[in-house]
Amino acid sequence: MAEKHNPPHHRHSIPGLSALGKLDPKESEMIMEYFTTQVLLLKDKELLQKTVREEKKLLVENAKLKKDISDLKILLTEKQQKKKAKAATASKLTAPGSTASLSAPGTNPKPGRERDGRRRRGERKGRRERTKSESALEEEPRMDVSRLDLRIGRIVGVRYHPLAGALYVQEVDLGEPAPRTVVSALRHIPKEQLQGRLAVLLCNVRPCRVKGVVSTAMVLCGSAPNAHDNDNDDDAQVEFLEPPTNAVPGDRVTFYDYPGEPDRELSPREKVC
């Protein structure tokens, strides 16, 4: 009878598991503890970032409440002053000296009436002028930087503008589904220093075409006078606004005294701040 030959069984091993199997049990336990520690650290970092965002939101809401209380105090003070002014005017009109002069025997009451009429006309004119000035103050728009949509972005791509030698075209991550294209005149800064850098951007400007490339945001920088102290803006030293080190793309830059929400799109003809 022919002998049956069973095919050999091939055992496949996973490189990582086989390596762990060859290690000493203590070393394997130390490696597992290291990975567990790293996972816990990542969870703590995520929780810390979430706590910072919630703290910023509470600070903004607290500043808004303080501003509302301050506005109510100012309104109450103005109403009290108006009531005092009305009471003083009424007391002057009903003063006993004026009635005595009108009813005194042997005197002509007409001059007193004329004086009272002139005084009342002057008071009405003064009230109308005050009302006009108050309405003009109310109509004047208040400067409010909260209307600016300032956000943290990370520059993920930099290239030279194909039609302008003094311009960069940058791709900036703002925490949105796709990066934004930004055209800036920062050619005095090397490309290597811009790549991966955090910056503050104004995001609710109207998109504009710059030498054929549409720019949808604006990089904020600060400038300082040059060493020669002349008025030439081309020689001024321009530097980035440095965001906090723990900032992430998409974080909004807020101000304590201005808790409002940003405009959907700024008008280029309107003065905001």
C-alpha atoms as a PDB file:
ATOM      1  CA  MET A   1       0.000   0.000   0.000  1.00  0.00           C
ATOM      2  CA  ALA A   2       1.118   3.464  -0.828  1.00  0.00           C
ATOM      3  CA  GLU A   3       1.975   5.629   2.080  1.00  0.00           C
ATOM      4  CA  LYS A   4       0.029   8.777   2.511  1.00  0.00           C
ATOM      5  CA  HIS A   5       2.127  11.857   2.948  1.00  0.00           C
ATOM      6  CA  ASN A   6       0.466  14.602   4.872  1.00  0.00           C
ATOM      7  CA  PRO A   7       1.405  18.113   3.635  1.00  0.00           C
ATOM      8  CA  PRO A   8       3.554  20.043   6.061  1.00  0.00           C
ATOM      9  CA  HIS A   9       1.818  22.648   8.194  1.00  0.00           C
ATOM     10  CA  HIS A  10       3.270  26.153   7.886  1.00  0.00           C
ATOM     11  CA  ARG A  11       2.983  28.330  10.944  1.00  0.00           C
ATOM     12  CA  HIS A  12       2.840  32.064  10.292  1.00  0.00           C
ATOM     13  CA  SER A  13       4.076  34.297  13.067  1.00  0.00           C
ATOM     14  CA  ILE A  14       3.525  38.014  13.585  1.00  0.00           C
ATOM     15  CA  PRO A  15       6.883  39.783  13.941  1.00  0.00           C
ATOM     16  CA  GLY A  16       5.778  42.027  16.804  1.00  0.00           C
ATOM     17  CA  LEU A  17       4.207  39.246  18.856  1.00  0.00           C
ATOM     18  CA  SER A  18       7.089  36.868  18.297  1.00  0.00           C
ATOM     19  CA  ALA A  19       9.510  39.560  19.442  1.00  0.00           C
ATOM     20  CA  LEU A  20       7.448  40.168  22.575  1.00  0.00           C
ATOM     21  CA  GLY A  21       7.361  36.422  23.187  1.00  0.00           C
ATOM     22  CA  LYS A  22      11.126  36.284  23.177  1.00  0.00           C
ATOM     23  CA  LEU A  23      11.448  39.147  25.681  1.00  0.00           C
ATOM     24  CA  ASP A  24      11.758  38.678  29.359  1.00  0.00           C
ATOM     25  CA  PRO A  25       8.346  38.914  31.144  1.00  0.00           C
ATOM     26  CA  LYS A  26       9.522  41.956  33.093  1.00  0.00           C
ATOM     27  CA  GLU A  27      10.561  43.733  29.905  1.00  0.00           C
ATOM     28  CA  SER A  28       7.213  42.928  28.270  1.00  0.00           C
ATOM     29  CA  GLU A  29       5.404  44.312  31.300  1.00  0.00           C
ATOM     30  CA  MET A  30       7.493  47.514  31.179  1.00  0.00           C
ATOM     31  CA  ILE A  31       6.678  47.995  27.464  1.00  0.00           C
ATOM     32  CA  MET A  32       2.957  47.548  28.108  1.00  0.00           C
ATOM     33  CA  GLU A  33       3.110  50.040  30.992  1.00  0.00           C
ATOM     34  CA  TYR A  34       4.865  52.553  28.701  1.00  0.00           C
ATOM     35  CA  PHE A  35       2.144  52.297  26.061  1.00  0.00           C
ATOM     36  CA  THR A  36      -0.571  52.585  28.703  1.00  0.00           C
ATOM     37  CA  THR A  37       1.085  55.727  30.081  1.00  0.00           C
ATOM     38  CA  GLN A  38       1.258  57.274  26.609  1.00  0.00           C
ATOM     39  CA  VAL A  39      -2.455  56.633  26.034  1.00  0.00           C
ATOM     40  CA  LEU A  40      -3.323  58.244  29.384  1.00  0.00           C
ATOM     41  CA  LEU A  41      -1.154  61.278  28.555  1.00  0.00           C
ATOM     42  CA  LEU A  42      -2.932  61.735  25.229  1.00  0.00           C
ATOM     43  CA  LYS A  43      -6.308  61.589  26.988  1.00  0.00           C
ATOM     44  CA  ASP A  44      -5.148  64.159  29.574  1.00  0.00           C
ATOM     45  CA  LYS A  45      -3.935  66.491  26.790  1.00  0.00           C
ATOM     46  CA  GLU A  46      -7.270  66.286  24.993  1.00  0.00           C
ATOM     47  CA  LEU A  47      -9.143  66.993  28.255  1.00  0.00           C
ATOM     48  CA  LEU A  48      -6.876  69.979  28.988  1.00  0.00           C
ATOM     49  CA  GLN A  49      -7.508  71.516  25.556  1.00  0.00           C
ATOM     50  CA  LYS A  50     -11.250  71.083  26.023  1.00  0.00           C
ATOM     51  CA  THR A  51     -11.053  72.738  29.472  1.00  0.00           C
ATOM     52  CA  VAL A  52      -9.127  75.718  28.028  1.00  0.00           C
ATOM     53  CA  ARG A  53     -11.763  76.235  25.328  1.00  0.00           C
ATOM     54  CA  GLU A  54     -14.580  76.124  27.892  1.00  0.00           C
ATOM     55  CA  GLU A  55     -12.709  78.589  30.114  1.00  0.00           C
ATOM     56  CA  LYS A  56     -12.341  81.026  27.195  1.00  0.00           C
ATOM     57  CA  LYS A  57     -16.056  80.732  26.470  1.00  0.00           C
ATOM     58  CA  LEU A  58     -16.941  81.458  30.113  1.00  0.00           C
ATOM     59  CA  LEU A  59     -14.622  84.490  30.149  1.00  0.00           C
ATOM     60  CA  VAL A  60     -16.308  85.897  27.049  1.00  0.00           C
ATOM     61  CA  GLU A  61     -19.783  85.391  28.557  1.00  0.00           C
ATOM     62  CA  ASN A  62     -18.673  86.991  31.833  1.00  0.00           C
ATOM     63  CA  ALA A  63     -17.314  90.031  29.989  1.00  0.00           C
ATOM     64  CA  LYS A  64     -20.600  90.364  28.090  1.00  0.00           C
ATOM     65  CA  LEU A  65     -22.582  90.343  31.354  1.00  0.00           C
ATOM     66  CA  LYS A  66     -20.275  93.003  32.832  1.00  0.00           C
ATOM     67  CA  LYS A  67     -20.771  95.182  29.761  1.00  0.00           C
ATOM     68  CA  ASP A  68     -24.577  94.810  29.949  1.00  0.00           C
ATOM     69  CA  ILE A  69     -24.545  95.809  33.639  1.00  0.00           C
ATOM     70  CA  SER A  70     -22.353  98.822  32.863  1.00  0.00           C
ATOM     71  CA  ASP A  71     -24.701  99.941  30.073  1.00  0.00           C
ATOM     72  CA  LEU A  72     -27.718  99.610  32.378  1.00  0.00           C
ATOM     73  CA  LYS A  73     -25.996 101.703  35.053  1.00  0.00           C
ATOM     74  CA  ILE A  74     -25.257 104.450  32.528  1.00  0.00           C
ATOM     75  CA  LEU A  75     -28.868 104.409  31.294  1.00  0.00           C
ATOM     76  CA  LEU A  76     -30.204 104.602  34.876  1.00  0.00           C
ATOM     77  CA  THR A  77     -27.897 107.532  35.678  1.00  0.00           C
ATOM     78  CA  GLU A  78     -29.049 109.436  32.598  1.00  0.00           C
ATOM     79  CA  LYS A  79     -32.729 108.900  33.510  1.00  0.00           C
ATOM     80  CA  GLN A  80     -32.124 110.128  37.062  1.00  0.00           C
ATOM     81  CA  GLN A  81     -30.368 113.249  35.756  1.00  0.00           C
ATOM     82  CA  LYS A  82     -33.283 113.960  33.391  1.00  0.00           C
ATOM     83  CA  LYS A  83     -35.780 113.614  36.268  1.00  0.00           C
ATOM     84  CA  LYS A  84     -33.746 116.020  38.408  1.00  0.00           C
ATOM     85  CA  ALA A  85     -33.581 118.537  35.546  1.00  0.00           C
ATOM     86  CA  LYS A  86     -37.370 118.337  35.046  1.00  0.00           C
ATOM     87  CA  ALA A  87     -37.985 118.782  38.781  1.00  0.00           C
ATOM     88  CA  ALA A  88     -35.683 121.835  38.889  1.00  0.00           C
ATOM     89  CA  THR A  89     -37.432 123.388  35.864  1.00  0.00           C
ATOM     90  CA  ALA A  90     -40.854 122.807  37.430  1.00  0.00           C
ATOM     91  CA  SER A  91     -39.760 124.387  40.721  1.00  0.00           C
ATOM     92  CA  LYS A  92     -38.503 127.480  38.864  1.00  0.00           C
ATOM     93  CA  LEU A  93     -41.780 127.866  36.992  1.00  0.00           C
ATOM     94  CA  THR A  94     -43.847 127.604  40.223  1.00  0.00           C
ATOM     95  CA  ALA A  95     -41.584 129.859  42.341  1.00  0.00           C
ATOM     96  CA  PRO A  96     -43.661 132.266  44.570  1.00  0.00           C
ATOM     97  CA  GLY A  97     -41.662 135.309  43.466  1.00  0.00           C
ATOM     98  CA  SER A  98     -42.876 135.061  39.889  1.00  0.00           C
ATOM     99  CA  THR A  99     -46.587 134.779  40.896  1.00  0.00           C
ATOM    100  CA  ALA A 100     -46.246 137.670  43.297  1.00  0.00           C
ATOM    101  CA  SER A 101     -44.834 139.887  40.595  1.00  0.00           C
ATOM    102  CA  LEU A 102     -47.740 138.995  38.321  1.00  0.00           C
ATOM    103  CA  SER A 103     -50.429 139.655  40.960  1.00  0.00           C
ATOM    104  CA  ALA A 104     -48.842 142.636  42.668  1.00  0.00           C
ATOM    105  CA  PRO A 105     -51.187 145.674  42.587  1.00  0.00           C
ATOM    106  CA  GLY A 106     -50.211 148.677  40.528  1.00  0.00           C
ATOM    107  CA  THR A 107     -47.813 146.749  38.245  1.00  0.00           C
ATOM    108  CA  ASN A 108     -48.171 145.788  34.613  1.00  0.00           C
ATOM    109  CA  PRO A 109     -48.225 142.003  34.255  1.00  0.00           C
ATOM    110  CA  LYS A 110     -47.272 141.986  30.574  1.00  0.00           C
ATOM    111  CA  PRO A 111     -43.479 142.315  31.015  1.00  0.00           C
ATOM    112  CA  GLY A 112     -43.510 139.339  33.411  1.00  0.00           C
ATOM    113  CA  ARG A 113     -45.496 137.255  30.963  1.00  0.00           C
ATOM    114  CA  GLU A 114     -43.081 138.172  28.162  1.00  0.00           C
ATOM    115  CA  ARG A 115     -40.094 137.217  30.307  1.00  0.00           C
ATOM    116  CA  ASP A 116     -41.742 133.891  31.232  1.00  0.00           C
ATOM    117  CA  GLY A 117     -42.571 133.240  27.573  1.00  0.00           C
ATOM    118  CA  ARG A 118     -39.014 133.968  26.483  1.00  0.00           C
ATOM    119  CA  ARG A 119     -37.659 131.719  29.230  1.00  0.00           C
ATOM    120  CA  ARG A 120     -39.970 128.851  28.252  1.00  0.00           C
ATOM    121  CA  ARG A 121     -39.069 129.251  24.571  1.00  0.00           C
ATOM    122  CA  GLY A 122     -35.376 129.181  25.489  1.00  0.00           C
ATOM    123  CA  GLU A 123     -35.897 126.041  27.583  1.00  0.00           C
ATOM    124  CA  ARG A 124     -37.759 124.303  24.747  1.00  0.00           C
ATOM    125  CA  LYS A 125     -35.007 125.254  22.308  1.00  0.00           C
ATOM    126  CA  GLY A 126     -32.357 123.935  24.690  1.00  0.00           C
ATOM    127  CA  ARG A 127     -34.249 120.650  25.091  1.00  0.00           C
ATOM    128  CA  ARG A 128     -34.540 120.268  21.309  1.00  0.00           C
ATOM    129  CA  GLU A 129     -30.802 120.868  20.887  1.00  0.00           C
ATOM    130  CA  ARG A 130     -29.961 118.351  23.622  1.00  0.00           C
ATOM    131  CA  THR A 131     -32.275 115.803  22.017  1.00  0.00           C
ATOM    132  CA  LYS A 132     -30.582 116.311  18.629  1.00  0.00           C
ATOM    133  CA  SER A 133     -27.115 115.897  20.130  1.00  0.00           C
ATOM    134  CA  GLU A 134     -28.156 112.729  22.039  1.00  0.00           C
ATOM    135  CA  SER A 135     -29.713 111.203  18.917  1.00  0.00           C
ATOM    136  CA  ALA A 136     -26.557 112.017  16.940  1.00  0.00           C
ATOM    137  CA  LEU A 137     -24.451 110.246  19.578  1.00  0.00           C
ATOM    138  CA  GLU A 138     -26.751 107.226  19.492  1.00  0.00           C
ATOM    139  CA  GLU A 139     -26.590 107.022  15.689  1.00  0.00           C
ATOM    140  CA  GLU A 140     -22.776 107.135  15.653  1.00  0.00           C
ATOM    141  CA  PRO A 141     -21.524 103.521  15.351  1.00  0.00           C
ATOM    142  CA  ARG A 142     -19.481 102.233  18.269  1.00  0.00           C
ATOM    143  CA  MET A 143     -16.021 100.890  17.538  1.00  0.00           C
ATOM    144  CA  ASP A 144     -16.192  97.156  18.291  1.00  0.00           C
ATOM    145  CA  VAL A 145     -13.247  94.821  17.586  1.00  0.00           C
ATOM    146  CA  SER A 146     -15.434  91.782  18.272  1.00  0.00           C
ATOM    147  CA  ARG A 147     -16.791  92.281  14.743  1.00  0.00           C
ATOM    148  CA  LEU A 148     -13.413  91.062  13.461  1.00  0.00           C
ATOM    149  CA  ASP A 149     -13.199  87.303  12.943  1.00  0.00           C
ATOM    150  CA  LEU A 150      -9.642  86.784  14.201  1.00  0.00           C
ATOM    151  CA  ARG A 151      -8.551  83.155  14.272  1.00  0.00           C
ATOM    152  CA  ILE A 152      -5.399  81.078  14.710  1.00  0.00           C
ATOM    153  CA  GLY A 153      -4.108  79.358  11.574  1.00  0.00           C
ATOM    154  CA  ARG A 154      -1.171  77.158  10.658  1.00  0.00           C
ATOM    155  CA  ILE A 155       0.674  77.757   7.367  1.00  0.00           C
ATOM    156  CA  VAL A 156       0.808  74.358   5.664  1.00  0.00           C
ATOM    157  CA  GLY A 157       2.076  75.459   2.253  1.00  0.00           C
ATOM    158  CA  VAL A 158       4.095  78.358   0.820  1.00  0.00           C
ATOM    159  CA  ARG A 159       4.899  79.111  -2.822  1.00  0.00           C
ATOM    160  CA  TYR A 160       5.965  82.120  -4.845  1.00  0.00           C
ATOM    161  CA  HIS A 161       3.292  84.126  -6.623  1.00  0.00           C
ATOM    162  CA  PRO A 162       3.574  83.308 -10.335  1.00  0.00           C
ATOM    163  CA  LEU A 163       2.936  86.925 -11.433  1.00  0.00           C
ATOM    164  CA  ALA A 164       4.363  89.006  -8.562  1.00  0.00           C
ATOM    165  CA  GLY A 165       7.900  88.632  -7.308  1.00  0.00           C
ATOM    166  CA  ALA A 166       7.223  90.356  -3.959  1.00  0.00           C
ATOM    167  CA  LEU A 167       4.299  88.142  -2.927  1.00  0.00           C
ATOM    168  CA  TYR A 168       3.790  84.716  -1.367  1.00  0.00           C
ATOM    169  CA  VAL A 169       0.803  82.430  -1.908  1.00  0.00           C
ATOM    170  CA  GLN A 170       0.140  80.497   1.299  1.00  0.00           C
ATOM    171  CA  GLU A 171      -2.225  77.670   2.198  1.00  0.00           C
ATOM    172  CA  VAL A 172      -3.426  78.116   5.790  1.00  0.00           C
ATOM    173  CA  ASP A 173      -5.200  75.535   7.988  1.00  0.00           C
ATOM    174  CA  LEU A 174      -7.922  77.309  10.033  1.00  0.00           C
ATOM    175  CA  GLY A 175      -9.642  74.233  11.389  1.00  0.00           C
ATOM    176  CA  GLU A 176     -12.021  74.188   8.399  1.00  0.00           C
ATOM    177  CA  PRO A 177     -12.615  71.311   5.979  1.00  0.00           C
ATOM    178  CA  ALA A 178     -10.104  72.794   3.498  1.00  0.00           C
ATOM    179  CA  PRO A 179      -7.193  75.236   3.865  1.00  0.00           C
ATOM    180  CA  ARG A 180      -7.623  78.859   2.779  1.00  0.00           C
ATOM    181  CA  THR A 181      -5.511  80.582   0.157  1.00  0.00           C
ATOM    182  CA  VAL A 182      -3.839  83.775   1.417  1.00  0.00           C
ATOM    183  CA  VAL A 183      -1.696  86.195  -0.612  1.00  0.00           C
ATOM    184  CA  SER A 184       0.762  88.218   1.501  1.00  0.00           C
ATOM    185  CA  ALA A 185       3.750  90.490   1.001  1.00  0.00           C
ATOM    186  CA  LEU A 186       6.111  88.623   3.331  1.00  0.00           C
ATOM    187  CA  ARG A 187       8.932  87.838   0.913  1.00  0.00           C
ATOM    188  CA  HIS A 188      11.454  89.267   3.402  1.00  0.00           C
ATOM    189  CA  ILE A 189      10.794  86.139   5.518  1.00  0.00           C
ATOM    190  CA  PRO A 190      12.307  82.891   4.132  1.00  0.00           C
ATOM    191  CA  LYS A 191       9.878  80.164   3.079  1.00  0.00           C
ATOM    192  CA  GLU A 192      11.401  77.729   5.565  1.00  0.00           C
ATOM    193  CA  GLN A 193      10.437  80.011   8.470  1.00  0.00           C
ATOM    194  CA  LEU A 194       6.830  80.285   7.272  1.00  0.00           C
ATOM    195  CA  GLN A 195       6.237  76.572   6.710  1.00  0.00           C
ATOM    196  CA  GLY A 196       4.308  75.077   9.646  1.00  0.00           C
ATOM    197  CA  ARG A 197       4.169  78.392  11.535  1.00  0.00           C
ATOM    198  CA  LEU A 198       1.174  79.599  13.580  1.00  0.00           C
ATOM    199  CA  ALA A 199      -0.260  83.004  12.704  1.00  0.00           C
ATOM    200  CA  VAL A 200      -3.242  85.266  13.469  1.00  0.00           C
ATOM    201  CA  LEU A 201      -5.549  85.810  10.487  1.00  0.00           C
ATOM    202  CA  LEU A 202      -8.516  88.081   9.768  1.00  0.00           C
ATOM    203  CA  CYS A 203     -11.008  85.652   8.235  1.00  0.00           C
ATOM    204  CA  ASN A 204     -14.149  87.709   7.459  1.00  0.00           C
ATOM    205  CA  VAL A 205     -12.631  90.036   4.877  1.00  0.00           C
ATOM    206  CA  ARG A 206     -14.190  90.089   1.426  1.00  0.00           C
ATOM    207  CA  PRO A 207     -12.278  87.731  -0.938  1.00  0.00           C
ATOM    208  CA  CYS A 208     -10.196  89.685  -3.446  1.00  0.00           C
ATOM    209  CA  ARG A 209      -8.154  88.815  -6.504  1.00  0.00           C
ATOM    210  CA  VAL A 210      -4.449  89.685  -6.210  1.00  0.00           C
ATOM    211  CA  LYS A 211      -2.590  89.352  -9.508  1.00  0.00           C
ATOM    212  CA  GLY A 212      -4.891  86.544 -10.608  1.00  0.00           C
ATOM    213  CA  VAL A 213      -4.934  84.636  -7.269  1.00  0.00           C
ATOM    214  CA  VAL A 214      -8.000  84.920  -4.987  1.00  0.00           C
ATOM    215  CA  SER A 215      -7.036  85.665  -1.360  1.00  0.00           C
ATOM    216  CA  THR A 216      -9.657  84.759   1.273  1.00  0.00           C
ATOM    217  CA  ALA A 217      -7.998  85.990   4.490  1.00  0.00           C
ATOM    218  CA  MET A 218      -5.356  88.390   5.771  1.00  0.00           C
ATOM    219  CA  VAL A 219      -2.263  87.622   7.878  1.00  0.00           C
ATOM    220  CA  LEU A 220      -1.890  90.082  10.768  1.00  0.00           C
ATOM    221  CA  CYS A 221       1.588  91.490  11.413  1.00  0.00           C
ATOM    222  CA  GLY A 222       3.113  94.288  13.442  1.00  0.00           C
ATOM    223  CA  SER A 223       5.557  96.877  12.155  1.00  0.00           C
ATOM    224  CA  ALA A 224       8.210  98.907  13.934  1.00  0.00           C
ATOM    225  CA  PRO A 225      10.143 101.967  12.686  1.00  0.00           C
ATOM    226  CA  ASN A 226      13.547 101.295  11.181  1.00  0.00           C
ATOM    227  CA  ALA A 227      16.799 102.269  12.821  1.00  0.00           C
ATOM    228  CA  HIS A 228      17.139 105.454  10.708  1.00  0.00           C
ATOM    229  CA  ASP A 229      13.719 106.696  11.961  1.00  0.00           C
ATOM    230  CA  ASN A 230      12.460 107.909   8.601  1.00  0.00           C
ATOM    231  CA  ASP A 231       8.975 107.771   7.096  1.00  0.00           C
ATOM    232  CA  ASN A 232       9.692 105.131   4.480  1.00  0.00           C
ATOM    233  CA  ASP A 233       7.237 102.252   5.078  1.00  0.00           C
ATOM    234  CA  ASP A 234       9.281  99.921   2.879  1.00  0.00           C
ATOM    235  CA  ASP A 235      12.115  99.994   5.430  1.00  0.00           C
ATOM    236  CA  ALA A 236       9.857  99.252   8.432  1.00  0.00           C
ATOM    237  CA  GLN A 237      10.474  95.974  10.263  1.00  0.00           C
ATOM    238  CA  VAL A 238       7.417  93.694   9.868  1.00  0.00           C
ATOM    239  CA  GLU A 239       6.965  90.783  12.274  1.00  0.00           C
ATOM    240  CA  PHE A 240       4.302  88.099  12.824  1.00  0.00           C
ATOM    241  CA  LEU A 241       1.824  88.314  15.685  1.00  0.00           C
ATOM    242  CA  GLU A 242       2.845  85.292  17.764  1.00  0.00           C
ATOM    243  CA  PRO A 243      -0.144  83.210  19.020  1.00  0.00           C
ATOM    244  CA  PRO A 244       0.092  81.318  22.346  1.00  0.00           C
ATOM    245  CA  THR A 245       2.052  78.090  22.152  1.00  0.00           C
ATOM    246  CA  ASN A 246      -0.973  75.986  23.190  1.00  0.00           C
ATOM    247  CA  ALA A 247      -3.221  77.479  20.460  1.00  0.00           C
ATOM    248  CA  VAL A 248      -4.613  75.220  17.752  1.00  0.00           C
ATOM    249  CA  PRO A 249      -5.865  76.099  14.251  1.00  0.00           C
ATOM    250  CA  GLY A 250      -9.406  77.433  14.416  1.00  0.00           C
ATOM    251  CA  ASP A 251      -9.166  79.056  17.869  1.00  0.00           C
ATOM    252  CA  ARG A 252     -10.780  82.511  17.888  1.00  0.00           C
ATOM    253  CA  VAL A 253      -8.949  85.561  19.269  1.00  0.00           C
ATOM    254  CA  THR A 254     -11.296  87.416  21.671  1.00  0.00           C
ATOM    255  CA  PHE A 255     -11.167  90.559  23.812  1.00  0.00           C
ATOM    256  CA  TYR A 256     -12.505  90.843  27.359  1.00  0.00           C
ATOM    257  CA  ASP A 257     -14.314  94.187  26.855  1.00  0.00           C
ATOM    258  CA  TYR A 258     -15.803  93.211  23.480  1.00  0.00           C
ATOM    259  CA  PRO A 259     -17.805  89.961  23.825  1.00  0.00           C
ATOM    260  CA  GLY A 260     -19.847  90.268  20.595  1.00  0.00           C
ATOM    261  CA  GLU A 261     -19.922  87.936  17.615  1.00  0.00           C
ATOM    262  CA  PRO A 262     -17.974  88.675  14.378  1.00  0.00           C
ATOM    263  CA  ASP A 263     -19.676  89.905  11.211  1.00  0.00           C
ATOM    264  CA  ARG A 264     -20.313  87.417   8.446  1.00  0.00           C
ATOM    265  CA  GLU A 265     -18.330  89.645   6.069  1.00  0.00           C
ATOM    266  CA  LEU A 266     -16.775  93.062   6.685  1.00  0.00           C
ATOM    267  CA  SER A 267     -17.649  95.938   4.391  1.00  0.00           C
ATOM    268  CA  PRO A 268     -14.470  97.517   2.935  1.00  0.00           C
ATOM    269  CA  ARG A 269     -16.040 101.004   3.225  1.00  0.00           C
ATOM    270  CA  GLU A 270     -17.118 100.715   6.868  1.00  0.00           C
ATOM    271  CA  LYS A 271     -14.791 101.703   9.705  1.00  0.00           C
ATOM    272  CA  VAL A 272     -14.819  99.032  12.432  1.00  0.00           C
ATOM    273  CA  CYS A 273     -11.934 100.049  14.722  1.00  0.00           C
END
